Amino acid sequence: MKEEKPIIFFDGVCNLCNGAINFIIDHDKTAYFKFAPLQSRVADEYLPTSLTKNTDSIILWESEKIYSRSTAALRIAKKLNGLWKLFYVFMIFPKFARDSVYKLIAKNRYKWFGKRETCRLPTEDIKNRFLEMD
């Protein structure tokens, strides 16, 4: 059965990505989003193989639609509490321009922020926000 809440798929071994997920959880007071690593069976179920094999983008699955890179990040920001939703204004810039900045960060994320050996295990207090993980 498909999840009804939007799902954020992320690189589960990327320190930057895990930090971003922690940030989203802290600023998503209504628990609007669920989460799953791109390296999970859940990702295989919801996403085309081309997206699960290439872990350089955050993916937002929302209302049966898939968003990636800067579009996903800005759509996520739009739903967060506080002033973070104002970042959605950057959607006025062309996708290629937004994504070029996103790709630069994604390309260097392991070098700049490091990498884990395994995907994160959520703590008990946020475990219900994460879909089944391998």
N, C-alpha and C. Protein backbone atom coordinates (compact mmCIF):
# COMPACT_ATOMS: atom_id res chain seq x y z
N MET A 1 0.85 -1.18 0.00
CA MET A 1 0.00 0.00 0.00
C MET A 1 0.89 1.25 0.00
N LYS A 2 0.55 2.18 -0.84
CA LYS A 2 1.34 3.41 -0.96
C LYS A 2 1.08 4.34 0.22
N GLU A 3 2.14 5.00 0.64
CA GLU A 3 2.08 6.00 1.70
C GLU A 3 1.35 7.23 1.17
N GLU A 4 0.50 7.83 1.98
CA GLU A 4 -0.23 9.02 1.55
C GLU A 4 0.52 10.31 1.82
N LYS A 5 1.35 10.31 2.86
CA LYS A 5 2.12 11.51 3.17
C LYS A 5 3.29 11.63 2.19
N PRO A 6 3.73 12.84 1.92
CA PRO A 6 4.91 13.00 1.07
C PRO A 6 6.13 12.32 1.70
N ILE A 7 6.95 11.74 0.85
CA ILE A 7 8.15 11.03 1.31
C ILE A 7 9.38 11.74 0.77
N ILE A 8 10.32 11.99 1.66
CA ILE A 8 11.61 12.53 1.25
C ILE A 8 12.60 11.36 1.23
N PHE A 9 13.15 11.10 0.04
CA PHE A 9 14.18 10.08 -0.12
C PHE A 9 15.53 10.78 -0.14
N PHE A 10 16.48 10.22 0.59
CA PHE A 10 17.78 10.88 0.75
C PHE A 10 18.90 9.85 0.75
N ASP A 11 20.11 10.30 0.50
CA ASP A 11 21.29 9.45 0.55
C ASP A 11 21.56 9.12 2.01
N GLY A 12 21.29 7.90 2.39
CA GLY A 12 21.36 7.51 3.80
C GLY A 12 22.75 7.47 4.40
N VAL A 13 23.81 7.49 3.58
CA VAL A 13 25.17 7.46 4.11
C VAL A 13 25.85 8.82 4.07
N CYS A 14 25.17 9.82 3.56
CA CYS A 14 25.72 11.17 3.41
C CYS A 14 25.48 11.99 4.68
N ASN A 15 26.56 12.51 5.27
CA ASN A 15 26.41 13.31 6.49
C ASN A 15 25.62 14.59 6.24
N LEU A 16 25.86 15.25 5.12
CA LEU A 16 25.09 16.46 4.79
C LEU A 16 23.61 16.13 4.67
N CYS A 17 23.30 15.05 3.98
CA CYS A 17 21.91 14.66 3.77
C CYS A 17 21.22 14.31 5.09
N ASN A 18 21.92 13.58 5.95
CA ASN A 18 21.36 13.25 7.26
C ASN A 18 21.16 14.50 8.10
N GLY A 19 22.07 15.44 8.00
CA GLY A 19 21.90 16.72 8.69
C GLY A 19 20.68 17.47 8.17
N ALA A 20 20.48 17.41 6.86
CA ALA A 20 19.31 18.07 6.26
C ALA A 20 18.02 17.42 6.76
N ILE A 21 18.02 16.09 6.88
CA ILE A 21 16.83 15.39 7.38
C ILE A 21 16.56 15.80 8.83
N ASN A 22 17.60 15.90 9.64
CA ASN A 22 17.42 16.36 11.03
C ASN A 22 16.83 17.76 11.06
N PHE A 23 17.32 18.63 10.19
CA PHE A 23 16.82 20.00 10.10
C PHE A 23 15.34 20.00 9.71
N ILE A 24 14.98 19.20 8.72
CA ILE A 24 13.59 19.12 8.28
C ILE A 24 12.69 18.63 9.42
N ILE A 25 13.12 17.59 10.11
CA ILE A 25 12.33 17.07 11.23
C ILE A 25 12.11 18.16 12.28
N ASP A 26 13.16 18.91 12.58
CA ASP A 26 13.06 19.98 13.59
C ASP A 26 12.11 21.10 13.17
N HIS A 27 11.96 21.31 11.87
CA HIS A 27 11.14 22.43 11.38
C HIS A 27 9.84 21.98 10.72
N ASP A 28 9.53 20.70 10.83
CA ASP A 28 8.28 20.14 10.30
C ASP A 28 7.41 19.74 11.49
N LYS A 29 6.89 20.73 12.17
CA LYS A 29 6.16 20.51 13.43
C LYS A 29 4.87 19.71 13.25
N THR A 30 4.31 19.70 12.04
CA THR A 30 3.07 18.96 11.80
C THR A 30 3.33 17.53 11.31
N ALA A 31 4.60 17.14 11.24
CA ALA A 31 4.98 15.81 10.74
C ALA A 31 4.39 15.55 9.36
N TYR A 32 4.49 16.55 8.49
CA TYR A 32 3.97 16.47 7.13
C TYR A 32 4.72 15.42 6.31
N PHE A 33 6.04 15.31 6.52
CA PHE A 33 6.87 14.43 5.70
C PHE A 33 7.19 13.11 6.41
N LYS A 34 7.36 12.08 5.58
CA LYS A 34 7.95 10.81 5.98
C LYS A 34 9.31 10.74 5.29
N PHE A 35 10.15 9.79 5.72
CA PHE A 35 11.51 9.72 5.21
C PHE A 35 11.91 8.28 4.90
N ALA A 36 12.80 8.13 3.90
CA ALA A 36 13.38 6.83 3.59
C ALA A 36 14.68 7.06 2.82
N PRO A 37 15.71 6.26 3.10
CA PRO A 37 16.94 6.39 2.34
C PRO A 37 16.74 5.91 0.90
N LEU A 38 17.52 6.46 0.00
CA LEU A 38 17.49 6.00 -1.39
C LEU A 38 17.98 4.55 -1.48
N GLN A 39 18.72 4.11 -0.47
CA GLN A 39 19.27 2.76 -0.44
C GLN A 39 18.31 1.77 0.24
N SER A 40 17.02 2.01 0.18
CA SER A 40 16.05 1.14 0.87
C SER A 40 15.09 0.47 -0.10
N ARG A 41 14.42 -0.56 0.41
CA ARG A 41 13.39 -1.23 -0.40
C ARG A 41 12.23 -0.29 -0.69
N VAL A 42 11.96 0.62 0.23
CA VAL A 42 10.88 1.60 0.03
C VAL A 42 11.18 2.44 -1.21
N ALA A 43 12.42 2.88 -1.34
CA ALA A 43 12.81 3.67 -2.52
C ALA A 43 12.62 2.84 -3.79
N ASP A 44 13.01 1.58 -3.73
CA ASP A 44 12.83 0.70 -4.90
C ASP A 44 11.36 0.57 -5.28
N GLU A 45 10.49 0.61 -4.29
CA GLU A 45 9.06 0.47 -4.53
C GLU A 45 8.45 1.73 -5.16
N TYR A 46 8.91 2.89 -4.73
CA TYR A 46 8.29 4.15 -5.15
C TYR A 46 8.97 4.82 -6.34
N LEU A 47 10.25 4.56 -6.54
CA LEU A 47 11.03 5.33 -7.51
C LEU A 47 11.58 4.47 -8.63
N PRO A 48 11.77 5.07 -9.81
CA PRO A 48 12.43 4.34 -10.88
C PRO A 48 13.89 4.02 -10.50
N THR A 49 14.42 2.95 -11.03
CA THR A 49 15.78 2.52 -10.72
C THR A 49 16.80 3.61 -10.99
N SER A 50 16.58 4.41 -12.02
CA SER A 50 17.54 5.47 -12.35
C SER A 50 17.71 6.45 -11.19
N LEU A 51 16.69 6.64 -10.38
CA LEU A 51 16.78 7.56 -9.24
C LEU A 51 17.38 6.89 -8.00
N THR A 52 17.14 5.61 -7.82
CA THR A 52 17.67 4.94 -6.62
C THR A 52 19.14 4.59 -6.78
N LYS A 53 19.61 4.43 -8.00
CA LYS A 53 21.02 4.10 -8.24
C LYS A 53 21.90 5.35 -8.20
N ASN A 54 21.31 6.50 -8.48
CA ASN A 54 22.04 7.76 -8.48
C ASN A 54 21.64 8.54 -7.23
N THR A 55 22.46 8.47 -6.21
CA THR A 55 22.09 9.03 -4.91
C THR A 55 22.50 10.49 -4.73
N ASP A 56 22.75 11.20 -5.82
CA ASP A 56 23.23 12.58 -5.70
C ASP A 56 22.12 13.61 -5.59
N SER A 57 20.89 13.17 -5.37
CA SER A 57 19.78 14.13 -5.26
C SER A 57 18.80 13.71 -4.17
N ILE A 58 18.32 14.70 -3.46
CA ILE A 58 17.18 14.47 -2.58
C ILE A 58 15.97 14.31 -3.50
N ILE A 59 15.08 13.42 -3.16
CA ILE A 59 13.90 13.16 -3.98
C ILE A 59 12.66 13.37 -3.10
N LEU A 60 11.71 14.10 -3.63
CA LEU A 60 10.43 14.29 -2.95
C LEU A 60 9.36 13.58 -3.75
N TRP A 61 8.69 12.62 -3.10
CA TRP A 61 7.54 11.94 -3.70
C TRP A 61 6.32 12.55 -3.04
N GLU A 62 5.52 13.25 -3.83
CA GLU A 62 4.37 13.97 -3.28
C GLU A 62 3.20 13.86 -4.24
N SER A 63 2.10 13.35 -3.75
CA SER A 63 0.88 13.20 -4.56
C SER A 63 1.16 12.47 -5.87
N GLU A 64 1.90 11.36 -5.75
CA GLU A 64 2.23 10.51 -6.91
C GLU A 64 3.17 11.19 -7.91
N LYS A 65 3.73 12.33 -7.57
CA LYS A 65 4.69 13.03 -8.44
C LYS A 65 6.06 12.98 -7.79
N ILE A 66 7.09 13.00 -8.64
CA ILE A 66 8.47 12.92 -8.17
C ILE A 66 9.19 14.21 -8.51
N TYR A 67 9.83 14.80 -7.50
CA TYR A 67 10.62 16.02 -7.68
C TYR A 67 12.04 15.73 -7.22
N SER A 68 13.01 16.34 -7.88
CA SER A 68 14.40 16.11 -7.51
C SER A 68 15.18 17.42 -7.43
N ARG A 69 16.39 17.30 -6.92
CA ARG A 69 17.36 18.39 -6.79
C ARG A 69 16.74 19.64 -6.17
N SER A 70 16.97 20.80 -6.80
CA SER A 70 16.54 22.07 -6.21
C SER A 70 15.03 22.18 -6.11
N THR A 71 14.32 21.61 -7.05
CA THR A 71 12.86 21.68 -7.00
C THR A 71 12.35 20.94 -5.77
N ALA A 72 12.90 19.77 -5.50
CA ALA A 72 12.52 19.02 -4.29
C ALA A 72 12.86 19.82 -3.04
N ALA A 73 14.07 20.35 -2.98
CA ALA A 73 14.51 21.10 -1.80
C ALA A 73 13.61 22.31 -1.54
N LEU A 74 13.26 23.03 -2.58
CA LEU A 74 12.43 24.22 -2.41
C LEU A 74 10.99 23.87 -2.07
N ARG A 75 10.48 22.79 -2.63
CA ARG A 75 9.12 22.35 -2.27
C ARG A 75 9.08 21.89 -0.81
N ILE A 76 10.15 21.29 -0.35
CA ILE A 76 10.24 20.89 1.06
C ILE A 76 10.27 22.13 1.94
N ALA A 77 11.12 23.09 1.59
CA ALA A 77 11.24 24.33 2.38
C ALA A 77 9.89 25.03 2.51
N LYS A 78 9.10 24.98 1.45
CA LYS A 78 7.79 25.64 1.44
C LYS A 78 6.87 25.10 2.54
N LYS A 79 7.07 23.87 2.96
CA LYS A 79 6.20 23.24 3.97
C LYS A 79 6.74 23.35 5.40
N LEU A 80 7.94 23.90 5.57
CA LEU A 80 8.53 23.98 6.90
C LEU A 80 8.00 25.16 7.69
N ASN A 81 8.07 25.04 9.00
CA ASN A 81 7.66 26.14 9.88
C ASN A 81 8.69 27.25 9.84
N GLY A 82 8.24 28.45 10.10
CA GLY A 82 9.14 29.59 10.16
C GLY A 82 9.37 30.22 8.80
N LEU A 83 10.43 30.96 8.71
CA LEU A 83 10.72 31.72 7.49
C LEU A 83 11.31 30.87 6.37
N TRP A 84 11.58 29.60 6.64
CA TRP A 84 12.17 28.73 5.62
C TRP A 84 11.31 28.63 4.38
N LYS A 85 10.01 28.77 4.53
CA LYS A 85 9.11 28.68 3.37
C LYS A 85 9.38 29.79 2.36
N LEU A 86 10.01 30.88 2.82
CA LEU A 86 10.32 31.99 1.91
C LEU A 86 11.34 31.60 0.84
N PHE A 87 12.12 30.54 1.09
CA PHE A 87 13.07 30.08 0.09
C PHE A 87 12.38 29.64 -1.19
N TYR A 88 11.10 29.35 -1.10
CA TYR A 88 10.36 28.91 -2.29
C TYR A 88 10.38 29.98 -3.39
N VAL A 89 10.65 31.22 -3.03
CA VAL A 89 10.73 32.30 -4.01
C VAL A 89 11.83 32.01 -5.05
N PHE A 90 12.82 31.20 -4.70
CA PHE A 90 13.89 30.87 -5.64
C PHE A 90 13.39 30.02 -6.82
N MET A 91 12.15 29.56 -6.75
CA MET A 91 11.57 28.84 -7.88
C MET A 91 11.44 29.74 -9.11
N ILE A 92 11.52 31.05 -8.92
CA ILE A 92 11.44 31.96 -10.08
C ILE A 92 12.66 31.83 -10.98
N PHE A 93 13.77 31.33 -10.43
CA PHE A 93 14.97 31.15 -11.25
C PHE A 93 14.83 29.88 -12.09
N PRO A 94 15.42 29.88 -13.27
CA PRO A 94 15.32 28.70 -14.13
C PRO A 94 15.90 27.46 -13.44
N LYS A 95 15.28 26.33 -13.70
CA LYS A 95 15.69 25.07 -13.09
C LYS A 95 17.16 24.77 -13.34
N PHE A 96 17.64 25.02 -14.56
CA PHE A 96 19.05 24.71 -14.86
C PHE A 96 19.99 25.53 -13.97
N ALA A 97 19.63 26.76 -13.65
CA ALA A 97 20.47 27.61 -12.79
C ALA A 97 20.43 27.10 -11.35
N ARG A 98 19.23 26.80 -10.86
CA ARG A 98 19.09 26.28 -9.49
C ARG A 98 19.82 24.95 -9.35
N ASP A 99 19.62 24.08 -10.34
CA ASP A 99 20.21 22.75 -10.26
C ASP A 99 21.72 22.77 -10.41
N SER A 100 22.28 23.75 -11.09
CA SER A 100 23.74 23.81 -11.22
C SER A 100 24.38 24.04 -9.85
N VAL A 101 23.78 24.87 -9.03
CA VAL A 101 24.28 25.08 -7.66
C VAL A 101 24.08 23.79 -6.85
N TYR A 102 22.91 23.19 -6.97
CA TYR A 102 22.62 21.94 -6.25
C TYR A 102 23.65 20.86 -6.63
N LYS A 103 23.91 20.71 -7.93
CA LYS A 103 24.84 19.67 -8.40
C LYS A 103 26.25 19.90 -7.89
N LEU A 104 26.68 21.15 -7.79
CA LEU A 104 28.02 21.46 -7.28
C LEU A 104 28.15 20.97 -5.83
N ILE A 105 27.15 21.25 -5.03
CA ILE A 105 27.17 20.81 -3.63
C ILE A 105 27.08 19.28 -3.56
N ALA A 106 26.18 18.69 -4.35
CA ALA A 106 26.01 17.24 -4.34
C ALA A 106 27.29 16.52 -4.74
N LYS A 107 27.99 17.05 -5.72
CA LYS A 107 29.22 16.43 -6.22
C LYS A 107 30.30 16.40 -5.14
N ASN A 108 30.32 17.39 -4.28
CA ASN A 108 31.37 17.53 -3.27
C ASN A 108 30.93 17.18 -1.85
N ARG A 109 29.71 16.67 -1.68
CA ARG A 109 29.16 16.49 -0.34
C ARG A 109 29.97 15.54 0.52
N TYR A 110 30.48 14.44 -0.04
CA TYR A 110 31.27 13.51 0.76
C TYR A 110 32.60 14.13 1.16
N LYS A 111 33.22 14.85 0.23
CA LYS A 111 34.50 15.49 0.50
C LYS A 111 34.36 16.57 1.57
N TRP A 112 33.31 17.37 1.48
CA TRP A 112 33.12 18.49 2.40
C TRP A 112 32.53 18.08 3.74
N PHE A 113 31.63 17.10 3.75
CA PHE A 113 30.87 16.77 4.96
C PHE A 113 31.07 15.34 5.47
N GLY A 114 31.69 14.49 4.67
CA GLY A 114 31.95 13.12 5.08
C GLY A 114 30.82 12.16 4.73
N LYS A 115 31.08 10.90 5.07
CA LYS A 115 30.17 9.81 4.68
C LYS A 115 30.15 8.78 5.81
N ARG A 116 28.99 8.19 6.03
CA ARG A 116 28.83 7.12 7.03
C ARG A 116 29.08 5.77 6.35
N GLU A 117 29.33 4.77 7.15
CA GLU A 117 29.49 3.41 6.63
C GLU A 117 28.14 2.77 6.32
N THR A 118 27.12 3.12 7.11
CA THR A 118 25.79 2.54 6.93
C THR A 118 24.73 3.64 7.03
N CYS A 119 23.53 3.32 6.61
CA CYS A 119 22.41 4.26 6.72
C CYS A 119 22.07 4.49 8.19
N ARG A 120 21.53 5.65 8.46
CA ARG A 120 21.17 6.03 9.83
C ARG A 120 20.08 5.12 10.39
N LEU A 121 20.08 4.97 11.68
CA LEU A 121 18.99 4.31 12.38
C LEU A 121 18.29 5.39 13.20
N PRO A 122 17.03 5.65 12.91
CA PRO A 122 16.34 6.72 13.63
C PRO A 122 16.15 6.38 15.11
N THR A 123 16.17 7.41 15.93
CA THR A 123 15.93 7.23 17.36
C THR A 123 14.44 6.94 17.58
N GLU A 124 14.11 6.43 18.75
CA GLU A 124 12.72 6.05 19.06
C GLU A 124 11.74 7.20 18.87
N ASP A 125 12.15 8.42 19.23
CA ASP A 125 11.22 9.55 19.17
C ASP A 125 10.86 9.98 17.75
N ILE A 126 11.65 9.57 16.76
CA ILE A 126 11.32 9.94 15.37
C ILE A 126 11.15 8.72 14.47
N LYS A 127 11.22 7.54 15.06
CA LYS A 127 11.14 6.30 14.28
C LYS A 127 9.88 6.22 13.42
N ASN A 128 8.77 6.74 13.92
CA ASN A 128 7.51 6.67 13.16
C ASN A 128 7.53 7.55 11.91
N ARG A 129 8.49 8.43 11.79
CA ARG A 129 8.60 9.30 10.61
C ARG A 129 9.33 8.60 9.46
N PHE A 130 10.00 7.50 9.76
CA PHE A 130 10.80 6.78 8.77
C PHE A 130 10.06 5.53 8.32
N LEU A 131 10.04 5.33 7.02
CA LEU A 131 9.43 4.12 6.48
C LEU A 131 10.42 2.98 6.61
N GLU A 132 9.96 1.77 6.46
CA GLU A 132 10.80 0.58 6.63
C GLU A 132 12.15 0.77 5.96
N MET A 133 13.19 0.45 6.70
CA MET A 133 14.54 0.61 6.18
C MET A 133 15.25 -0.73 6.19
N ASP A 134 16.11 -0.93 5.16
CA ASP A 134 16.93 -2.16 5.11
C ASP A 134 18.08 -2.04 6.07
